[in-house]
Amino acid sequence: AFHAGADDLLPADPATAPAPTLAEGIAIPRPPRARQILAAVRASGGTFLTVPEDDIREAQRDLAARGFYVETTGVACWAAVRDGGDAVRGSVVVPLCGAGLKTGMAG
């Protein structure tokens, strides 16, 4: 919806089931406040980033090597910004909330 410029969620394709993810805490197919989320991200100049599952695994190992045992939903945020792709500019705050004990190490 965000990248399509929509103000609200686009109709879901009933034939397409949501893909499983290690970052289950942010896998919300129909967030109830989608309109507000989309508006806030646009107003702040933000964006949404997607990362492959392997990047989540690698980012969790990276954080563990730095002494942080973070659950996979928080790790997904680190995976999205750590390599500083084109969408990441300036200072970035990544909340690493959720202890790794919650989900364990990503297989």
C-alpha atoms as a PDB file:
ATOM      1  CA  ALA A   1       0.000   0.000   0.000  1.00  0.00           C
ATOM      2  CA  PHE A   2       2.789   2.442   0.926  1.00  0.00           C
ATOM      3  CA  HIS A   3       4.828   1.971  -2.240  1.00  0.00           C
ATOM      4  CA  ALA A   4       1.634   2.044  -4.327  1.00  0.00           C
ATOM      5  CA  GLY A   5       0.785   5.463  -2.854  1.00  0.00           C
ATOM      6  CA  ALA A   6      -2.441   4.198  -1.263  1.00  0.00           C
ATOM      7  CA  ASP A   7      -3.943   5.832   1.836  1.00  0.00           C
ATOM      8  CA  ASP A   8      -5.168   2.493   3.172  1.00  0.00           C
ATOM      9  CA  LEU A   9      -4.453  -1.185   2.714  1.00  0.00           C
ATOM     10  CA  LEU A  10      -4.970  -2.635  -0.719  1.00  0.00           C
ATOM     11  CA  PRO A  11      -7.436  -5.515  -1.049  1.00  0.00           C
ATOM     12  CA  ALA A  12      -5.806  -8.803  -0.124  1.00  0.00           C
ATOM     13  CA  ASP A  13      -5.526 -11.555  -2.680  1.00  0.00           C
ATOM     14  CA  PRO A  14      -7.366 -14.467  -1.024  1.00  0.00           C
ATOM     15  CA  ALA A  15      -5.356 -16.959  -3.082  1.00  0.00           C
ATOM     16  CA  THR A  16      -2.080 -15.725  -1.600  1.00  0.00           C
ATOM     17  CA  ALA A  17      -1.416 -16.747   1.987  1.00  0.00           C
ATOM     18  CA  PRO A  18       1.018 -14.610   3.990  1.00  0.00           C
ATOM     19  CA  ALA A  19       4.527 -16.031   3.827  1.00  0.00           C
ATOM     20  CA  PRO A  20       5.926 -17.355   7.104  1.00  0.00           C
ATOM     21  CA  THR A  21       8.687 -15.247   8.627  1.00  0.00           C
ATOM     22  CA  LEU A  22      11.170 -15.373  11.465  1.00  0.00           C
ATOM     23  CA  ALA A  23       9.976 -11.858  12.370  1.00  0.00           C
ATOM     24  CA  GLU A  24       6.514 -13.024  13.432  1.00  0.00           C
ATOM     25  CA  GLY A  25       6.031 -10.016  15.714  1.00  0.00           C
ATOM     26  CA  ILE A  26       5.711  -7.662  12.736  1.00  0.00           C
ATOM     27  CA  ALA A  27       3.906 -10.066  10.403  1.00  0.00           C
ATOM     28  CA  ILE A  28       0.498  -8.420  10.689  1.00  0.00           C
ATOM     29  CA  PRO A  29      -1.338  -8.820   7.380  1.00  0.00           C
ATOM     30  CA  ARG A  30      -4.224  -6.417   8.167  1.00  0.00           C
ATOM     31  CA  PRO A  31      -3.098  -3.926  10.875  1.00  0.00           C
ATOM     32  CA  PRO A  32      -6.165  -2.174  12.336  1.00  0.00           C
ATOM     33  CA  ARG A  33      -4.482   1.263  12.231  1.00  0.00           C
ATOM     34  CA  ALA A  34      -3.044   0.940   8.729  1.00  0.00           C
ATOM     35  CA  ARG A  35      -4.311   4.373   7.614  1.00  0.00           C
ATOM     36  CA  GLN A  36      -2.610   6.093  10.564  1.00  0.00           C
ATOM     37  CA  ILE A  37       0.597   4.099  10.092  1.00  0.00           C
ATOM     38  CA  LEU A  38       0.800   4.949   6.391  1.00  0.00           C
ATOM     39  CA  ALA A  39       0.087   8.637   7.081  1.00  0.00           C
ATOM     40  CA  ALA A  40       2.675   8.863   9.888  1.00  0.00           C
ATOM     41  CA  VAL A  41       5.412   7.220   7.833  1.00  0.00           C
ATOM     42  CA  ARG A  42       4.729   9.533   4.886  1.00  0.00           C
ATOM     43  CA  ALA A  43       4.548  12.655   7.093  1.00  0.00           C
ATOM     44  CA  SER A  44       7.889  11.806   8.702  1.00  0.00           C
ATOM     45  CA  GLY A  45       9.597  11.169   5.368  1.00  0.00           C
ATOM     46  CA  GLY A  46      10.057   7.522   6.326  1.00  0.00           C
ATOM     47  CA  THR A  47       9.644   4.341   4.369  1.00  0.00           C
ATOM     48  CA  PHE A  48       9.088   0.612   4.756  1.00  0.00           C
ATOM     49  CA  LEU A  49      11.889  -1.843   4.051  1.00  0.00           C
ATOM     50  CA  THR A  50      11.724  -5.574   3.385  1.00  0.00           C
ATOM     51  CA  VAL A  51      14.525  -8.024   4.098  1.00  0.00           C
ATOM     52  CA  PRO A  52      14.998 -11.675   3.148  1.00  0.00           C
ATOM     53  CA  GLU A  53      14.886 -14.300   5.904  1.00  0.00           C
ATOM     54  CA  ASP A  54      18.608 -15.038   5.445  1.00  0.00           C
ATOM     55  CA  ASP A  55      19.382 -11.381   6.237  1.00  0.00           C
ATOM     56  CA  ILE A  56      17.479 -11.732   9.527  1.00  0.00           C
ATOM     57  CA  ARG A  57      19.571 -14.776  10.444  1.00  0.00           C
ATOM     58  CA  GLU A  58      22.810 -13.003   9.519  1.00  0.00           C
ATOM     59  CA  ALA A  59      21.833  -9.817  11.376  1.00  0.00           C
ATOM     60  CA  GLN A  60      21.000 -11.799  14.523  1.00  0.00           C
ATOM     61  CA  ARG A  61      24.456 -13.388  14.443  1.00  0.00           C
ATOM     62  CA  ASP A  62      25.973  -9.930  13.869  1.00  0.00           C
ATOM     63  CA  LEU A  63      24.202  -8.489  16.911  1.00  0.00           C
ATOM     64  CA  ALA A  64      25.126 -11.536  19.010  1.00  0.00           C
ATOM     65  CA  ALA A  65      28.785 -10.988  18.111  1.00  0.00           C
ATOM     66  CA  ARG A  66      28.374  -7.437  19.463  1.00  0.00           C
ATOM     67  CA  GLY A  67      26.935  -8.787  22.718  1.00  0.00           C
ATOM     68  CA  PHE A  68      23.226  -8.301  21.973  1.00  0.00           C
ATOM     69  CA  TYR A  69      20.860 -11.285  22.074  1.00  0.00           C
ATOM     70  CA  VAL A  70      17.817  -9.828  20.303  1.00  0.00           C
ATOM     71  CA  GLU A  71      14.622 -11.574  19.208  1.00  0.00           C
ATOM     72  CA  THR A  72      13.987 -11.867  15.500  1.00  0.00           C
ATOM     73  CA  THR A  73      11.416  -9.074  15.130  1.00  0.00           C
ATOM     74  CA  GLY A  74      13.897  -6.496  16.441  1.00  0.00           C
ATOM     75  CA  VAL A  75      16.638  -8.106  14.391  1.00  0.00           C
ATOM     76  CA  ALA A  76      14.599  -7.554  11.214  1.00  0.00           C
ATOM     77  CA  CYS A  77      14.895  -3.793  11.774  1.00  0.00           C
ATOM     78  CA  TRP A  78      18.671  -4.057  12.188  1.00  0.00           C
ATOM     79  CA  ALA A  79      18.878  -6.230   9.067  1.00  0.00           C
ATOM     80  CA  ALA A  80      17.012  -3.564   7.098  1.00  0.00           C
ATOM     81  CA  VAL A  81      19.341  -0.695   7.972  1.00  0.00           C
ATOM     82  CA  ARG A  82      22.745  -2.132   8.851  1.00  0.00           C
ATOM     83  CA  ASP A  83      24.115  -2.142   5.322  1.00  0.00           C
ATOM     84  CA  GLY A  84      22.792   1.368   4.684  1.00  0.00           C
ATOM     85  CA  GLY A  85      20.942   0.831   1.417  1.00  0.00           C
ATOM     86  CA  ASP A  86      19.637   3.730  -0.670  1.00  0.00           C
ATOM     87  CA  ALA A  87      16.574   4.198   1.559  1.00  0.00           C
ATOM     88  CA  VAL A  88      18.715   4.706   4.694  1.00  0.00           C
ATOM     89  CA  ARG A  89      20.064   8.244   5.074  1.00  0.00           C
ATOM     90  CA  GLY A  90      21.300  10.222   8.055  1.00  0.00           C
ATOM     91  CA  SER A  91      20.940   9.013  11.618  1.00  0.00           C
ATOM     92  CA  VAL A  92      18.741   5.991  12.222  1.00  0.00           C
ATOM     93  CA  VAL A  93      17.361   4.692  15.517  1.00  0.00           C
ATOM     94  CA  VAL A  94      16.759   0.943  15.637  1.00  0.00           C
ATOM     95  CA  PRO A  95      14.848  -0.211  18.723  1.00  0.00           C
ATOM     96  CA  LEU A  96      16.306  -3.580  19.684  1.00  0.00           C
ATOM     97  CA  CYS A  97      13.495  -4.514  22.026  1.00  0.00           C
ATOM     98  CA  GLY A  98      12.748  -8.115  22.812  1.00  0.00           C
ATOM     99  CA  ALA A  99      15.307 -10.482  24.290  1.00  0.00           C
ATOM    100  CA  GLY A 100      16.573 -13.330  22.163  1.00  0.00           C
ATOM    101  CA  LEU A 101      15.276 -15.789  24.733  1.00  0.00           C
ATOM    102  CA  LYS A 102      11.804 -14.967  23.387  1.00  0.00           C
ATOM    103  CA  THR A 103      12.443 -16.544  19.977  1.00  0.00           C
ATOM    104  CA  GLY A 104      15.894 -18.109  20.214  1.00  0.00           C
ATOM    105  CA  MET A 105      18.507 -17.939  17.504  1.00  0.00           C
ATOM    106  CA  ALA A 106      17.138 -17.988  13.978  1.00  0.00           C
ATOM    107  CA  GLY A 107      17.963 -21.393  12.480  1.00  0.00           C
END
